[in-house]
Amino acid sequence: SLQLSGHAHGGQIRFPFPQGLIAPGQGL
């Protein structure tokens, strides 16, 4: 039904980047 996860810390800086600037495992 649903996967629950974290790790990305919201992309750290979410303005002016709607999905965030950087995340571990995903980069910029």
mmCIF file of all heavy atoms, coordinates in Angstrom:
data_MODEL
# 
_entry.id   MODEL 
# 
loop_
_atom_site.group_PDB 
_atom_site.id 
_atom_site.type_symbol 
_atom_site.label_atom_id 
_atom_site.label_alt_id 
_atom_site.label_comp_id 
_atom_site.label_asym_id 
_atom_site.label_entity_id 
_atom_site.label_seq_id 
_atom_site.pdbx_PDB_ins_code 
_atom_site.Cartn_x 
_atom_site.Cartn_y 
_atom_site.Cartn_z 
_atom_site.occupancy 
_atom_site.B_iso_or_equiv 
_atom_site.pdbx_formal_charge 
_atom_site.auth_seq_id 
_atom_site.auth_comp_id 
_atom_site.auth_asym_id 
_atom_site.auth_atom_id 
_atom_site.pdbx_PDB_model_num 
ATOM 1   N N   . SER A 1 1  ? 0.812  -1.223 0.000  1.00 0.00 ? 1  SER A N   1 
ATOM 2   C CA  . SER A 1 1  ? 0.000  0.000  0.000  1.00 0.00 ? 1  SER A CA  1 
ATOM 3   C C   . SER A 1 1  ? 0.838  1.261  0.000  1.00 0.00 ? 1  SER A C   1 
ATOM 4   O O   . SER A 1 1  ? 0.605  2.178  -0.799 1.00 0.00 ? 1  SER A O   1 
ATOM 5   C CB  . SER A 1 1  ? -0.933 0.006  1.222  1.00 0.00 ? 1  SER A CB  1 
ATOM 6   O OG  . SER A 1 1  ? -1.704 -1.168 1.294  1.00 0.00 ? 1  SER A OG  1 
ATOM 7   N N   . LEU A 1 2  ? 1.811  1.344  0.908  1.00 0.00 ? 2  LEU A N   1 
ATOM 8   C CA  . LEU A 1 2  ? 2.508  2.608  1.129  1.00 0.00 ? 2  LEU A CA  1 
ATOM 9   C C   . LEU A 1 2  ? 3.892  2.360  1.696  1.00 0.00 ? 2  LEU A C   1 
ATOM 10  O O   . LEU A 1 2  ? 4.060  1.554  2.611  1.00 0.00 ? 2  LEU A O   1 
ATOM 11  C CB  . LEU A 1 2  ? 1.702  3.476  2.107  1.00 0.00 ? 2  LEU A CB  1 
ATOM 12  C CG  . LEU A 1 2  ? 2.318  4.809  2.537  1.00 0.00 ? 2  LEU A CG  1 
ATOM 13  C CD1 . LEU A 1 2  ? 2.395  5.773  1.356  1.00 0.00 ? 2  LEU A CD1 1 
ATOM 14  C CD2 . LEU A 1 2  ? 1.522  5.425  3.675  1.00 0.00 ? 2  LEU A CD2 1 
ATOM 15  N N   . GLN A 1 3  ? 4.887  3.084  1.158  1.00 0.00 ? 3  GLN A N   1 
ATOM 16  C CA  . GLN A 1 3  ? 6.237  3.085  1.720  1.00 0.00 ? 3  GLN A CA  1 
ATOM 17  C C   . GLN A 1 3  ? 6.431  4.359  2.529  1.00 0.00 ? 3  GLN A C   1 
ATOM 18  O O   . GLN A 1 3  ? 6.134  5.458  2.066  1.00 0.00 ? 3  GLN A O   1 
ATOM 19  C CB  . GLN A 1 3  ? 7.278  3.027  0.603  1.00 0.00 ? 3  GLN A CB  1 
ATOM 20  C CG  . GLN A 1 3  ? 8.726  3.187  1.095  1.00 0.00 ? 3  GLN A CG  1 
ATOM 21  C CD  . GLN A 1 3  ? 9.751  3.046  -0.013 1.00 0.00 ? 3  GLN A CD  1 
ATOM 22  O OE1 . GLN A 1 3  ? 9.573  2.244  -0.933 1.00 0.00 ? 3  GLN A OE1 1 
ATOM 23  N NE2 . GLN A 1 3  ? 10.829 3.805  0.061  1.00 0.00 ? 3  GLN A NE2 1 
ATOM 24  N N   . LEU A 1 4  ? 6.948  4.210  3.746  1.00 0.00 ? 4  LEU A N   1 
ATOM 25  C CA  . LEU A 1 4  ? 7.299  5.336  4.608  1.00 0.00 ? 4  LEU A CA  1 
ATOM 26  C C   . LEU A 1 4  ? 8.814  5.433  4.681  1.00 0.00 ? 4  LEU A C   1 
ATOM 27  O O   . LEU A 1 4  ? 9.491  4.445  4.983  1.00 0.00 ? 4  LEU A O   1 
ATOM 28  C CB  . LEU A 1 4  ? 6.725  5.156  6.009  1.00 0.00 ? 4  LEU A CB  1 
ATOM 29  C CG  . LEU A 1 4  ? 5.216  4.986  6.144  1.00 0.00 ? 4  LEU A CG  1 
ATOM 30  C CD1 . LEU A 1 4  ? 4.837  4.766  7.600  1.00 0.00 ? 4  LEU A CD1 1 
ATOM 31  C CD2 . LEU A 1 4  ? 4.491  6.191  5.584  1.00 0.00 ? 4  LEU A CD2 1 
ATOM 32  N N   . SER A 1 5  ? 9.368  6.631  4.415  1.00 0.00 ? 5  SER A N   1 
ATOM 33  C CA  . SER A 1 5  ? 10.813 6.824  4.399  1.00 0.00 ? 5  SER A CA  1 
ATOM 34  C C   . SER A 1 5  ? 11.175 8.214  4.904  1.00 0.00 ? 5  SER A C   1 
ATOM 35  O O   . SER A 1 5  ? 10.313 9.098  5.036  1.00 0.00 ? 5  SER A O   1 
ATOM 36  C CB  . SER A 1 5  ? 11.374 6.653  2.970  1.00 0.00 ? 5  SER A CB  1 
ATOM 37  O OG  . SER A 1 5  ? 11.190 5.340  2.491  1.00 0.00 ? 5  SER A OG  1 
ATOM 38  N N   . GLY A 1 6  ? 12.467 8.400  5.163  1.00 0.00 ? 6  GLY A N   1 
ATOM 39  C CA  . GLY A 1 6  ? 13.005 9.703  5.556  1.00 0.00 ? 6  GLY A CA  1 
ATOM 40  C C   . GLY A 1 6  ? 14.274 9.997  4.782  1.00 0.00 ? 6  GLY A C   1 
ATOM 41  O O   . GLY A 1 6  ? 14.273 10.088 3.570  1.00 0.00 ? 6  GLY A O   1 
ATOM 42  N N   . HIS A 1 7  ? 15.400 10.147 5.495  1.00 0.00 ? 7  HIS A N   1 
ATOM 43  C CA  . HIS A 1 7  ? 16.755 10.218 4.937  1.00 0.00 ? 7  HIS A CA  1 
ATOM 44  C C   . HIS A 1 7  ? 17.065 11.508 4.185  1.00 0.00 ? 7  HIS A C   1 
ATOM 45  O O   . HIS A 1 7  ? 18.206 11.976 4.220  1.00 0.00 ? 7  HIS A O   1 
ATOM 46  C CB  . HIS A 1 7  ? 17.007 9.014  4.023  1.00 0.00 ? 7  HIS A CB  1 
ATOM 47  C CG  . HIS A 1 7  ? 18.434 8.836  3.600  1.00 0.00 ? 7  HIS A CG  1 
ATOM 48  N ND1 . HIS A 1 7  ? 19.480 8.810  4.495  1.00 0.00 ? 7  HIS A ND1 1 
ATOM 49  C CD2 . HIS A 1 7  ? 18.988 8.651  2.370  1.00 0.00 ? 7  HIS A CD2 1 
ATOM 50  C CE1 . HIS A 1 7  ? 20.614 8.609  3.847  1.00 0.00 ? 7  HIS A CE1 1 
ATOM 51  N NE2 . HIS A 1 7  ? 20.352 8.528  2.552  1.00 0.00 ? 7  HIS A NE2 1 
ATOM 52  N N   . ALA A 1 8  ? 16.102 12.111 3.502  1.00 0.00 ? 8  ALA A N   1 
ATOM 53  C CA  . ALA A 1 8  ? 16.395 13.241 2.615  1.00 0.00 ? 8  ALA A CA  1 
ATOM 54  C C   . ALA A 1 8  ? 16.427 14.587 3.324  1.00 0.00 ? 8  ALA A C   1 
ATOM 55  O O   . ALA A 1 8  ? 16.851 15.583 2.739  1.00 0.00 ? 8  ALA A O   1 
ATOM 56  C CB  . ALA A 1 8  ? 15.370 13.287 1.477  1.00 0.00 ? 8  ALA A CB  1 
ATOM 57  N N   . HIS A 1 9  ? 15.953 14.647 4.571  1.00 0.00 ? 9  HIS A N   1 
ATOM 58  C CA  . HIS A 1 9  ? 15.963 15.879 5.363  1.00 0.00 ? 9  HIS A CA  1 
ATOM 59  C C   . HIS A 1 9  ? 15.261 17.030 4.654  1.00 0.00 ? 9  HIS A C   1 
ATOM 60  O O   . HIS A 1 9  ? 15.628 18.198 4.822  1.00 0.00 ? 9  HIS A O   1 
ATOM 61  C CB  . HIS A 1 9  ? 17.402 16.296 5.696  1.00 0.00 ? 9  HIS A CB  1 
ATOM 62  C CG  . HIS A 1 9  ? 18.131 15.317 6.535  1.00 0.00 ? 9  HIS A CG  1 
ATOM 63  N ND1 . HIS A 1 9  ? 19.344 15.594 7.141  1.00 0.00 ? 9  HIS A ND1 1 
ATOM 64  C CD2 . HIS A 1 9  ? 17.855 14.032 6.882  1.00 0.00 ? 9  HIS A CD2 1 
ATOM 65  C CE1 . HIS A 1 9  ? 19.770 14.540 7.812  1.00 0.00 ? 9  HIS A CE1 1 
ATOM 66  N NE2 . HIS A 1 9  ? 18.873 13.579 7.658  1.00 0.00 ? 9  HIS A NE2 1 
ATOM 67  N N   . GLY A 1 10 ? 14.264 16.698 3.838  1.00 0.00 ? 10 GLY A N   1 
ATOM 68  C CA  . GLY A 1 10 ? 13.516 17.741 3.148  1.00 0.00 ? 10 GLY A CA  1 
ATOM 69  C C   . GLY A 1 10 ? 14.304 18.490 2.103  1.00 0.00 ? 10 GLY A C   1 
ATOM 70  O O   . GLY A 1 10 ? 13.850 19.525 1.608  1.00 0.00 ? 10 GLY A O   1 
ATOM 71  N N   . GLY A 1 11 ? 15.480 17.983 1.748  1.00 0.00 ? 11 GLY A N   1 
ATOM 72  C CA  . GLY A 1 11 ? 16.330 18.710 0.810  1.00 0.00 ? 11 GLY A CA  1 
ATOM 73  C C   . GLY A 1 11 ? 17.043 19.898 1.437  1.00 0.00 ? 11 GLY A C   1 
ATOM 74  O O   . GLY A 1 11 ? 17.647 20.714 0.736  1.00 0.00 ? 11 GLY A O   1 
ATOM 75  N N   . GLN A 1 12 ? 16.950 20.019 2.772  1.00 0.00 ? 12 GLN A N   1 
ATOM 76  C CA  . GLN A 1 12 ? 17.623 21.033 3.588  1.00 0.00 ? 12 GLN A CA  1 
ATOM 77  C C   . GLN A 1 12 ? 17.133 22.459 3.305  1.00 0.00 ? 12 GLN A C   1 
ATOM 78  O O   . GLN A 1 12 ? 16.584 23.098 4.179  1.00 0.00 ? 12 GLN A O   1 
ATOM 79  C CB  . GLN A 1 12 ? 19.155 20.977 3.419  1.00 0.00 ? 12 GLN A CB  1 
ATOM 80  C CG  . GLN A 1 12 ? 19.780 19.694 3.900  1.00 0.00 ? 12 GLN A CG  1 
ATOM 81  C CD  . GLN A 1 12 ? 19.721 19.492 5.407  1.00 0.00 ? 12 GLN A CD  1 
ATOM 82  O OE1 . GLN A 1 12 ? 19.812 18.379 5.894  1.00 0.00 ? 12 GLN A OE1 1 
ATOM 83  N NE2 . GLN A 1 12 ? 19.555 20.550 6.157  1.00 0.00 ? 12 GLN A NE2 1 
ATOM 84  N N   . ILE A 1 13 ? 17.346 22.983 2.098  1.00 0.00 ? 13 ILE A N   1 
ATOM 85  C CA  . ILE A 1 13 ? 16.966 24.361 1.759  1.00 0.00 ? 13 ILE A CA  1 
ATOM 86  C C   . ILE A 1 13 ? 15.855 24.300 0.728  1.00 0.00 ? 13 ILE A C   1 
ATOM 87  O O   . ILE A 1 13 ? 16.079 23.926 -0.423 1.00 0.00 ? 13 ILE A O   1 
ATOM 88  C CB  . ILE A 1 13 ? 18.175 25.150 1.229  1.00 0.00 ? 13 ILE A CB  1 
ATOM 89  C CG1 . ILE A 1 13 ? 19.264 25.235 2.304  1.00 0.00 ? 13 ILE A CG1 1 
ATOM 90  C CG2 . ILE A 1 13 ? 17.750 26.552 0.789  1.00 0.00 ? 13 ILE A CG2 1 
ATOM 91  C CD1 . ILE A 1 13 ? 20.554 25.874 1.836  1.00 0.00 ? 13 ILE A CD1 1 
ATOM 92  N N   . ARG A 1 14 ? 14.634 24.671 1.124  1.00 0.00 ? 14 ARG A N   1 
ATOM 93  C CA  . ARG A 1 14 ? 13.471 24.513 0.249  1.00 0.00 ? 14 ARG A CA  1 
ATOM 94  C C   . ARG A 1 14 ? 13.012 25.831 -0.378 1.00 0.00 ? 14 ARG A C   1 
ATOM 95  O O   . ARG A 1 14 ? 11.938 25.885 -0.986 1.00 0.00 ? 14 ARG A O   1 
ATOM 96  C CB  . ARG A 1 14 ? 12.323 23.862 1.021  1.00 0.00 ? 14 ARG A CB  1 
ATOM 97  C CG  . ARG A 1 14 ? 12.645 22.452 1.481  1.00 0.00 ? 14 ARG A CG  1 
ATOM 98  C CD  . ARG A 1 14 ? 11.460 21.782 2.132  1.00 0.00 ? 14 ARG A CD  1 
ATOM 99  N NE  . ARG A 1 14 ? 10.373 21.494 1.229  1.00 0.00 ? 14 ARG A NE  1 
ATOM 100 C CZ  . ARG A 1 14 ? 10.306 20.405 0.453  1.00 0.00 ? 14 ARG A CZ  1 
ATOM 101 N NH1 . ARG A 1 14 ? 11.298 19.520 0.466  1.00 0.00 ? 14 ARG A NH1 1 
ATOM 102 N NH2 . ARG A 1 14 ? 9.273  20.222 -0.344 1.00 0.00 ? 14 ARG A NH2 1 
ATOM 103 N N   . PHE A 1 15 ? 13.780 26.875 -0.228 1.00 0.00 ? 15 PHE A N   1 
ATOM 104 C CA  . PHE A 1 15 ? 13.496 28.122 -0.936 1.00 0.00 ? 15 PHE A CA  1 
ATOM 105 C C   . PHE A 1 15 ? 14.793 28.652 -1.523 1.00 0.00 ? 15 PHE A C   1 
ATOM 106 O O   . PHE A 1 15 ? 15.784 28.791 -0.809 1.00 0.00 ? 15 PHE A O   1 
ATOM 107 C CB  . PHE A 1 15 ? 12.893 29.167 0.005  1.00 0.00 ? 15 PHE A CB  1 
ATOM 108 C CG  . PHE A 1 15 ? 12.619 30.483 -0.685 1.00 0.00 ? 15 PHE A CG  1 
ATOM 109 C CD1 . PHE A 1 15 ? 11.464 30.651 -1.417 1.00 0.00 ? 15 PHE A CD1 1 
ATOM 110 C CD2 . PHE A 1 15 ? 13.532 31.525 -0.625 1.00 0.00 ? 15 PHE A CD2 1 
ATOM 111 C CE1 . PHE A 1 15 ? 11.214 31.862 -2.063 1.00 0.00 ? 15 PHE A CE1 1 
ATOM 112 C CE2 . PHE A 1 15 ? 13.298 32.717 -1.268 1.00 0.00 ? 15 PHE A CE2 1 
ATOM 113 C CZ  . PHE A 1 15 ? 12.126 32.892 -1.994 1.00 0.00 ? 15 PHE A CZ  1 
ATOM 114 N N   . PRO A 1 16 ? 14.802 28.914 -2.843 1.00 0.00 ? 16 PRO A N   1 
ATOM 115 C CA  . PRO A 1 16 ? 13.705 28.877 -3.816 1.00 0.00 ? 16 PRO A CA  1 
ATOM 116 C C   . PRO A 1 16 ? 13.576 27.529 -4.534 1.00 0.00 ? 16 PRO A C   1 
ATOM 117 O O   . PRO A 1 16 ? 13.059 27.462 -5.646 1.00 0.00 ? 16 PRO A O   1 
ATOM 118 C CB  . PRO A 1 16 ? 14.126 29.952 -4.817 1.00 0.00 ? 16 PRO A CB  1 
ATOM 119 C CG  . PRO A 1 16 ? 15.618 29.847 -4.852 1.00 0.00 ? 16 PRO A CG  1 
ATOM 120 C CD  . PRO A 1 16 ? 16.033 29.458 -3.443 1.00 0.00 ? 16 PRO A CD  1 
ATOM 121 N N   . PHE A 1 17 ? 14.052 26.457 -3.896 1.00 0.00 ? 17 PHE A N   1 
ATOM 122 C CA  . PHE A 1 17 ? 14.037 25.137 -4.533 1.00 0.00 ? 17 PHE A CA  1 
ATOM 123 C C   . PHE A 1 17 ? 12.850 24.347 -3.985 1.00 0.00 ? 17 PHE A C   1 
ATOM 124 O O   . PHE A 1 17 ? 12.867 23.928 -2.825 1.00 0.00 ? 17 PHE A O   1 
ATOM 125 C CB  . PHE A 1 17 ? 15.344 24.396 -4.242 1.00 0.00 ? 17 PHE A CB  1 
ATOM 126 C CG  . PHE A 1 17 ? 16.573 25.254 -4.420 1.00 0.00 ? 17 PHE A CG  1 
ATOM 127 C CD1 . PHE A 1 17 ? 17.234 25.790 -3.322 1.00 0.00 ? 17 PHE A CD1 1 
ATOM 128 C CD2 . PHE A 1 17 ? 17.045 25.555 -5.688 1.00 0.00 ? 17 PHE A CD2 1 
ATOM 129 C CE1 . PHE A 1 17 ? 18.354 26.575 -3.474 1.00 0.00 ? 17 PHE A CE1 1 
ATOM 130 C CE2 . PHE A 1 17 ? 18.164 26.344 -5.856 1.00 0.00 ? 17 PHE A CE2 1 
ATOM 131 C CZ  . PHE A 1 17 ? 18.823 26.866 -4.749 1.00 0.00 ? 17 PHE A CZ  1 
ATOM 132 N N   . PRO A 1 18 ? 11.799 24.094 -4.786 1.00 0.00 ? 18 PRO A N   1 
ATOM 133 C CA  . PRO A 1 18 ? 10.566 23.511 -4.241 1.00 0.00 ? 18 PRO A CA  1 
ATOM 134 C C   . PRO A 1 18 ? 10.743 22.113 -3.662 1.00 0.00 ? 18 PRO A C   1 
ATOM 135 O O   . PRO A 1 18 ? 10.017 21.728 -2.752 1.00 0.00 ? 18 PRO A O   1 
ATOM 136 C CB  . PRO A 1 18 ? 9.609  23.498 -5.447 1.00 0.00 ? 18 PRO A CB  1 
ATOM 137 C CG  . PRO A 1 18 ? 10.489 23.619 -6.643 1.00 0.00 ? 18 PRO A CG  1 
ATOM 138 C CD  . PRO A 1 18 ? 11.679 24.419 -6.216 1.00 0.00 ? 18 PRO A CD  1 
ATOM 139 N N   . GLN A 1 19 ? 11.724 21.335 -4.174 1.00 0.00 ? 19 GLN A N   1 
ATOM 140 C CA  . GLN A 1 19 ? 11.985 20.012 -3.625 1.00 0.00 ? 19 GLN A CA  1 
ATOM 141 C C   . GLN A 1 19 ? 13.262 19.975 -2.787 1.00 0.00 ? 19 GLN A C   1 
ATOM 142 O O   . GLN A 1 19 ? 13.713 18.912 -2.380 1.00 0.00 ? 19 GLN A O   1 
ATOM 143 C CB  . GLN A 1 19 ? 12.078 18.977 -4.756 1.00 0.00 ? 19 GLN A CB  1 
ATOM 144 C CG  . GLN A 1 19 ? 10.738 18.573 -5.338 1.00 0.00 ? 19 GLN A CG  1 
ATOM 145 C CD  . GLN A 1 19 ? 9.861  17.904 -4.291 1.00 0.00 ? 19 GLN A CD  1 
ATOM 146 O OE1 . GLN A 1 19 ? 10.316 17.180 -3.421 1.00 0.00 ? 19 GLN A OE1 1 
ATOM 147 N NE2 . GLN A 1 19 ? 8.572  18.147 -4.377 1.00 0.00 ? 19 GLN A NE2 1 
ATOM 148 N N   . GLY A 1 20 ? 13.857 21.143 -2.557 1.00 0.00 ? 20 GLY A N   1 
ATOM 149 C CA  . GLY A 1 20 ? 15.066 21.189 -1.766 1.00 0.00 ? 20 GLY A CA  1 
ATOM 150 C C   . GLY A 1 20 ? 16.317 21.244 -2.634 1.00 0.00 ? 20 GLY A C   1 
ATOM 151 O O   . GLY A 1 20 ? 16.293 20.952 -3.830 1.00 0.00 ? 20 GLY A O   1 
ATOM 152 N N   . LEU A 1 21 ? 17.410 21.605 -1.986 1.00 0.00 ? 21 LEU A N   1 
ATOM 153 C CA  . LEU A 1 21 ? 18.669 21.790 -2.705 1.00 0.00 ? 21 LEU A CA  1 
ATOM 154 C C   . LEU A 1 21 ? 19.488 20.514 -2.815 1.00 0.00 ? 21 LEU A C   1 
ATOM 155 O O   . LEU A 1 21 ? 20.020 20.193 -3.878 1.00 0.00 ? 21 LEU A O   1 
ATOM 156 C CB  . LEU A 1 21 ? 19.504 22.871 -1.998 1.00 0.00 ? 21 LEU A CB  1 
ATOM 157 C CG  . LEU A 1 21 ? 20.910 23.123 -2.548 1.00 0.00 ? 21 LEU A CG  1 
ATOM 158 C CD1 . LEU A 1 21 ? 20.845 23.605 -3.992 1.00 0.00 ? 21 LEU A CD1 1 
ATOM 159 C CD2 . LEU A 1 21 ? 21.649 24.129 -1.675 1.00 0.00 ? 21 LEU A CD2 1 
ATOM 160 N N   . ILE A 1 22 ? 19.570 19.766 -1.714 1.00 0.00 ? 22 ILE A N   1 
ATOM 161 C CA  . ILE A 1 22 ? 20.456 18.602 -1.699 1.00 0.00 ? 22 ILE A CA  1 
ATOM 162 C C   . ILE A 1 22 ? 19.934 17.568 -0.706 1.00 0.00 ? 22 ILE A C   1 
ATOM 163 O O   . ILE A 1 22 ? 19.335 17.923 0.315  1.00 0.00 ? 22 ILE A O   1 
ATOM 164 C CB  . ILE A 1 22 ? 21.904 19.023 -1.335 1.00 0.00 ? 22 ILE A CB  1 
ATOM 165 C CG1 . ILE A 1 22 ? 22.880 17.856 -1.525 1.00 0.00 ? 22 ILE A CG1 1 
ATOM 166 C CG2 . ILE A 1 22 ? 21.972 19.598 0.077  1.00 0.00 ? 22 ILE A CG2 1 
ATOM 167 C CD1 . ILE A 1 22 ? 24.345 18.270 -1.418 1.00 0.00 ? 22 ILE A CD1 1 
ATOM 168 N N   . ALA A 1 23 ? 20.142 16.299 -1.030 1.00 0.00 ? 23 ALA A N   1 
ATOM 169 C CA  . ALA A 1 23 ? 19.701 15.221 -0.140 1.00 0.00 ? 23 ALA A CA  1 
ATOM 170 C C   . ALA A 1 23 ? 20.683 14.070 -0.234 1.00 0.00 ? 23 ALA A C   1 
ATOM 171 O O   . ALA A 1 23 ? 21.168 13.746 -1.332 1.00 0.00 ? 23 ALA A O   1 
ATOM 172 C CB  . ALA A 1 23 ? 18.307 14.736 -0.512 1.00 0.00 ? 23 ALA A CB  1 
ATOM 173 N N   . PRO A 1 24 ? 20.994 13.430 0.895  1.00 0.00 ? 24 PRO A N   1 
ATOM 174 C CA  . PRO A 1 24 ? 21.873 12.256 0.843  1.00 0.00 ? 24 PRO A CA  1 
ATOM 175 C C   . PRO A 1 24 ? 21.248 11.157 -0.004 1.00 0.00 ? 24 PRO A C   1 
ATOM 176 O O   . PRO A 1 24 ? 20.050 10.891 0.095  1.00 0.00 ? 24 PRO A O   1 
ATOM 177 C CB  . PRO A 1 24 ? 22.003 11.843 2.311  1.00 0.00 ? 24 PRO A CB  1 
ATOM 178 C CG  . PRO A 1 24 ? 20.829 12.476 3.005  1.00 0.00 ? 24 PRO A CG  1 
ATOM 179 C CD  . PRO A 1 24 ? 20.547 13.725 2.256  1.00 0.00 ? 24 PRO A CD  1 
ATOM 180 N N   . GLY A 1 25 ? 22.062 10.543 -0.856 1.00 0.00 ? 25 GLY A N   1 
ATOM 181 C CA  . GLY A 1 25 ? 21.580 9.481  -1.726 1.00 0.00 ? 25 GLY A CA  1 
ATOM 182 C C   . GLY A 1 25 ? 20.964 9.964  -3.018 1.00 0.00 ? 25 GLY A C   1 
ATOM 183 O O   . GLY A 1 25 ? 20.767 9.188  -3.952 1.00 0.00 ? 25 GLY A O   1 
ATOM 184 N N   . GLN A 1 26 ? 20.635 11.267 -3.092 1.00 0.00 ? 26 GLN A N   1 
ATOM 185 C CA  . GLN A 1 26 ? 20.015 11.819 -4.298 1.00 0.00 ? 26 GLN A CA  1 
ATOM 186 C C   . GLN A 1 26 ? 20.794 12.988 -4.888 1.00 0.00 ? 26 GLN A C   1 
ATOM 187 O O   . GLN A 1 26 ? 20.566 13.360 -6.039 1.00 0.00 ? 26 GLN A O   1 
ATOM 188 C CB  . GLN A 1 26 ? 18.582 12.256 -4.012 1.00 0.00 ? 26 GLN A CB  1 
ATOM 189 C CG  . GLN A 1 26 ? 17.665 11.125 -3.569 1.00 0.00 ? 26 GLN A CG  1 
ATOM 190 C CD  . GLN A 1 26 ? 16.243 11.608 -3.339 1.00 0.00 ? 26 GLN A CD  1 
ATOM 191 O OE1 . GLN A 1 26 ? 15.528 11.981 -4.259 1.00 0.00 ? 26 GLN A OE1 1 
ATOM 192 N NE2 . GLN A 1 26 ? 15.825 11.616 -2.074 1.00 0.00 ? 26 GLN A NE2 1 
ATOM 193 N N   . GLY A 1 27 ? 21.669 13.596 -4.107 1.00 0.00 ? 27 GLY A N   1 
ATOM 194 C CA  . GLY A 1 27 ? 22.488 14.685 -4.621 1.00 0.00 ? 27 GLY A CA  1 
ATOM 195 C C   . GLY A 1 27 ? 21.726 15.991 -4.755 1.00 0.00 ? 27 GLY A C   1 
ATOM 196 O O   . GLY A 1 27 ? 20.762 16.253 -4.031 1.00 0.00 ? 27 GLY A O   1 
ATOM 197 N N   . LEU A 1 28 ? 22.151 16.822 -5.715 1.00 0.00 ? 28 LEU A N   1 
ATOM 198 C CA  . LEU A 1 28 ? 21.557 18.132 -5.921 1.00 0.00 ? 28 LEU A CA  1 
ATOM 199 C C   . LEU A 1 28 ? 20.170 18.007 -6.561 1.00 0.00 ? 28 LEU A C   1 
ATOM 200 O O   . LEU A 1 28 ? 19.937 17.142 -7.396 1.00 0.00 ? 28 LEU A O   1 
ATOM 201 C CB  . LEU A 1 28 ? 22.457 18.991 -6.807 1.00 0.00 ? 28 LEU A CB  1 
ATOM 202 C CG  . LEU A 1 28 ? 23.771 19.476 -6.176 1.00 0.00 ? 28 LEU A CG  1 
ATOM 203 C CD1 . LEU A 1 28 ? 24.652 20.115 -7.236 1.00 0.00 ? 28 LEU A CD1 1 
ATOM 204 C CD2 . LEU A 1 28 ? 23.499 20.453 -5.043 1.00 0.00 ? 28 LEU A CD2 1 
# 
